[in-house]
Amino acid sequence: MTVVDRRRMLRGAMALSSLGLPGLWVGCASPVPSEFTLSERQILAALSERFPANRRVLEIFDVRLASPKLKLLPAEDRLMLGFDLGIQERLLASRAFKGHLMFSSGLRFEAGDATIRLARVRRENIALDGLPSLLASSVNRWGGLLAEELLDGAVVHTIDRAAIDRAARLGVRPGALKVTDGGVTMTLEPIRGAGA
């Protein structure tokens, strides 16, 4: 490896490390990193900033989601998100119920603001202690809507725009996202037409 190649590799690693992800993987055979990984801990920390969250649903229920939990689902290329769920029914006896709510989600990169966001959010399970069957059918109906409203498009990480510009000068840009056992990996793909 020449001195010029070593300098180019160092510049590439420094530029891409400023993407804000300490789990950056630098390929030994390549002068420019080919991917980086956002850890499970980093994703959960970003989501935790949004909770507890409170919503009124159908003017009947006050809903509180708190204490997010995260599980990686590499085989499905998705994340599983769990929350403590509290519901206060307001109309009849003003009863309160506690339980758990689980969603799953994919991920997408939004180039416009350089964010990694939750996508294709869907409700997986709602369990509430002591909820009457009459109310249970209503809760199940709006559970999916609540998932979409609170989580679809939620920001998991923001990449520094200057770092993306520096990466582009090195001939790479953010590419595909993949859920792995170690976190969420983003491929840094070559920009078509970039010089060698």
Protein backbone atom coordinates (compact mmCIF):
# COMPACT_ATOMS: atom_id res chain seq x y z
CA MET A 1 0.00 0.00 0.00
CA THR A 2 1.41 3.37 -1.01
CA VAL A 3 1.58 6.46 1.18
CA VAL A 4 -1.21 8.01 -0.93
CA ASP A 5 -3.42 4.94 -0.42
CA ARG A 6 -2.80 5.00 3.33
CA ARG A 7 -3.68 8.71 3.49
CA ARG A 8 -6.85 8.10 1.49
CA MET A 9 -7.85 5.25 3.83
CA LEU A 10 -7.24 7.42 6.89
CA ARG A 11 -9.22 10.33 5.42
CA GLY A 12 -12.08 7.98 4.55
CA ALA A 13 -12.19 6.43 8.01
CA MET A 14 -12.08 9.84 9.70
CA ALA A 15 -14.82 11.28 7.48
CA LEU A 16 -17.14 8.36 7.91
CA SER A 17 -16.51 8.00 11.63
CA SER A 18 -18.14 11.39 12.02
CA LEU A 19 -21.42 9.79 10.97
CA GLY A 20 -21.86 9.55 14.71
CA LEU A 21 -21.73 5.81 15.10
CA PRO A 22 -18.99 4.32 17.26
CA GLY A 23 -19.65 0.87 15.79
CA LEU A 24 -18.05 1.80 12.45
CA TRP A 25 -16.56 -1.18 10.66
CA VAL A 26 -13.47 -0.46 8.58
CA GLY A 27 -12.67 -3.15 6.02
CA CYS A 28 -8.97 -4.01 5.98
CA ALA A 29 -8.87 -4.62 2.24
CA SER A 30 -10.77 -1.47 1.31
CA PRO A 31 -9.51 2.10 1.69
CA VAL A 32 -13.06 3.33 2.48
CA PRO A 33 -15.37 1.68 5.04
CA SER A 34 -18.14 -0.36 3.41
CA GLU A 35 -20.68 -0.26 6.27
CA PHE A 36 -21.40 0.85 9.81
CA THR A 37 -23.57 -0.57 12.58
CA LEU A 38 -25.97 1.22 14.93
CA SER A 39 -26.13 -0.85 18.13
CA GLU A 40 -29.26 -2.08 19.87
CA ARG A 41 -28.39 0.19 22.81
CA GLN A 42 -28.18 3.28 20.55
CA ILE A 43 -31.55 2.52 18.92
CA LEU A 44 -33.24 2.03 22.29
CA ALA A 45 -31.70 5.26 23.63
CA ALA A 46 -33.09 7.23 20.67
CA LEU A 47 -36.57 5.72 21.09
CA SER A 48 -36.55 6.26 24.86
CA GLU A 49 -36.38 10.03 24.29
CA ARG A 50 -39.95 9.87 22.89
CA PHE A 51 -41.51 8.11 25.88
CA PRO A 52 -43.56 8.17 28.05
CA ALA A 53 -46.13 9.26 25.47
CA ASN A 54 -49.78 10.10 26.16
CA ARG A 55 -52.65 10.10 23.65
CA ARG A 56 -56.42 10.39 23.81
CA VAL A 57 -58.10 7.85 21.54
CA LEU A 58 -61.69 8.13 20.28
CA GLU A 59 -62.36 10.65 23.09
CA ILE A 60 -62.93 7.59 25.31
CA PHE A 61 -59.47 6.38 26.31
CA ASP A 62 -56.44 8.16 27.71
CA VAL A 63 -53.49 5.98 26.68
CA ARG A 64 -49.96 6.05 28.09
CA LEU A 65 -47.01 4.18 26.60
CA ALA A 66 -43.81 3.97 28.66
CA SER A 67 -40.60 2.00 29.21
CA PRO A 68 -39.77 0.94 25.63
CA LYS A 69 -38.03 -2.39 25.13
CA LEU A 70 -36.32 -3.56 21.96
CA LYS A 71 -35.56 -6.92 20.39
CA LEU A 72 -33.75 -7.40 17.08
CA LEU A 73 -35.40 -9.75 14.57
CA PRO A 74 -32.67 -10.41 11.97
CA ALA A 75 -34.57 -13.25 10.25
CA GLU A 76 -37.44 -10.86 9.49
CA ASP A 77 -35.26 -7.76 9.01
CA ARG A 78 -37.41 -5.99 11.60
CA LEU A 79 -37.36 -4.70 15.18
CA MET A 80 -39.79 -5.76 17.92
CA LEU A 81 -40.79 -2.94 20.27
CA GLY A 82 -42.55 -3.50 23.57
CA PHE A 83 -44.14 -0.92 25.90
CA ASP A 84 -45.85 -0.77 29.25
CA LEU A 85 -49.41 0.27 28.45
CA GLY A 86 -51.82 2.17 30.67
CA ILE A 87 -55.40 2.95 29.65
CA GLN A 88 -57.84 5.19 31.50
CA GLU A 89 -61.41 4.67 30.30
CA ARG A 90 -63.18 8.03 30.69
CA LEU A 91 -66.90 7.56 29.99
CA LEU A 92 -68.44 4.88 32.18
CA ALA A 93 -66.72 4.12 35.46
CA SER A 94 -63.45 5.91 34.73
CA ARG A 95 -61.57 2.64 35.10
CA ALA A 96 -57.83 2.21 34.65
CA PHE A 97 -56.12 -0.81 33.07
CA LYS A 98 -52.47 -1.81 32.79
CA GLY A 99 -50.77 -4.15 30.39
CA HIS A 100 -48.32 -4.43 27.51
CA LEU A 101 -48.32 -3.43 23.85
CA MET A 102 -45.98 -4.83 21.19
CA PHE A 103 -45.23 -3.45 17.72
CA SER A 104 -42.81 -4.55 15.04
CA SER A 105 -41.13 -2.25 12.54
CA GLY A 106 -38.83 -2.12 9.57
CA LEU A 107 -36.39 0.73 8.91
CA ARG A 108 -35.76 3.27 6.17
CA PHE A 109 -33.19 5.95 5.43
CA GLU A 110 -34.61 9.41 4.71
CA ALA A 111 -32.08 11.17 2.50
CA GLY A 112 -33.80 14.56 2.81
CA ASP A 113 -32.87 14.99 6.48
CA ALA A 114 -30.27 12.19 6.79
CA THR A 115 -32.27 10.18 9.33
CA ILE A 116 -32.82 6.50 9.96
CA ARG A 117 -36.52 6.01 10.77
CA LEU A 118 -38.99 3.32 11.75
CA ALA A 119 -41.12 2.15 8.81
CA ARG A 120 -43.98 -0.27 8.14
CA VAL A 121 -44.97 -0.33 11.82
CA ARG A 122 -47.57 -2.93 12.77
CA ARG A 123 -49.24 -3.96 16.01
CA GLU A 124 -48.27 -7.44 17.17
CA ASN A 125 -49.99 -7.88 20.52
CA ILE A 126 -52.03 -6.03 23.15
CA ALA A 127 -52.54 -7.53 26.60
CA LEU A 128 -54.43 -5.69 29.36
CA ASP A 129 -55.22 -7.07 32.79
CA GLY A 130 -58.94 -7.21 33.61
CA LEU A 131 -60.16 -5.52 30.41
CA PRO A 132 -63.83 -6.38 29.73
CA SER A 133 -64.52 -8.02 26.35
CA LEU A 134 -66.65 -5.05 25.25
CA LEU A 135 -63.69 -2.69 25.66
CA ALA A 136 -61.18 -5.27 24.35
CA SER A 137 -62.69 -5.19 20.86
CA SER A 138 -62.35 -1.38 20.74
CA VAL A 139 -58.76 -1.50 22.02
CA ASN A 140 -57.81 -4.04 19.35
CA ARG A 141 -59.39 -1.91 16.62
CA TRP A 142 -57.39 1.24 17.41
CA GLY A 143 -54.15 -0.49 18.43
CA GLY A 144 -52.82 -0.50 14.88
CA LEU A 145 -53.67 3.17 14.40
CA LEU A 146 -51.91 4.04 17.65
CA ALA A 147 -48.80 2.19 16.47
CA GLU A 148 -48.75 4.14 13.25
CA GLU A 149 -49.37 7.51 14.89
CA LEU A 150 -46.75 7.14 17.63
CA LEU A 151 -44.03 5.17 15.90
CA ASP A 152 -44.19 5.15 12.10
CA GLY A 153 -41.47 7.51 10.94
CA ALA A 154 -39.93 7.89 14.42
CA VAL A 155 -36.25 8.87 14.18
CA VAL A 156 -33.78 6.24 15.37
CA HIS A 157 -30.63 8.13 14.38
CA THR A 158 -29.60 11.32 12.56
CA ILE A 159 -26.44 11.26 10.45
CA ASP A 160 -24.38 14.43 10.34
CA ARG A 161 -24.96 16.12 6.97
CA ALA A 162 -21.34 17.28 6.73
CA ALA A 163 -20.21 13.66 7.16
CA ILE A 164 -22.47 12.58 4.29
CA ASP A 165 -20.97 15.31 2.11
CA ARG A 166 -17.43 14.17 3.01
CA ALA A 167 -18.37 10.57 2.27
CA ALA A 168 -19.75 11.63 -1.11
CA ARG A 169 -16.42 13.24 -1.97
CA LEU A 170 -14.86 9.83 -1.24
CA GLY A 171 -17.33 8.19 -3.61
CA VAL A 172 -19.80 6.54 -1.19
CA ARG A 173 -23.27 7.27 0.17
CA PRO A 174 -25.71 5.68 2.64
CA GLY A 175 -27.34 2.56 1.19
CA ALA A 176 -29.37 -0.42 2.35
CA LEU A 177 -30.31 -1.03 5.99
CA LYS A 178 -30.24 -4.53 7.48
CA VAL A 179 -31.20 -5.76 10.96
CA THR A 180 -28.48 -8.08 12.27
CA ASP A 181 -27.69 -9.82 15.56
CA GLY A 182 -25.42 -6.89 16.47
CA GLY A 183 -27.74 -4.02 15.60
CA VAL A 184 -28.73 -2.25 12.40
CA THR A 185 -26.12 -2.19 9.64
CA MET A 186 -26.12 0.39 6.87
CA THR A 187 -24.16 -0.37 3.70
CA LEU A 188 -22.11 2.48 2.27
CA GLU A 189 -22.55 2.05 -1.46
CA PRO A 190 -20.46 3.52 -4.29
CA ILE A 191 -21.91 6.57 -5.97
CA ARG A 192 -22.50 5.73 -9.61
CA GLY A 193 -20.01 7.56 -11.78
CA ALA A 194 -17.65 8.40 -8.89
CA GLY A 195 -14.00 8.44 -9.87
CA ALA A 196 -11.63 5.67 -8.85
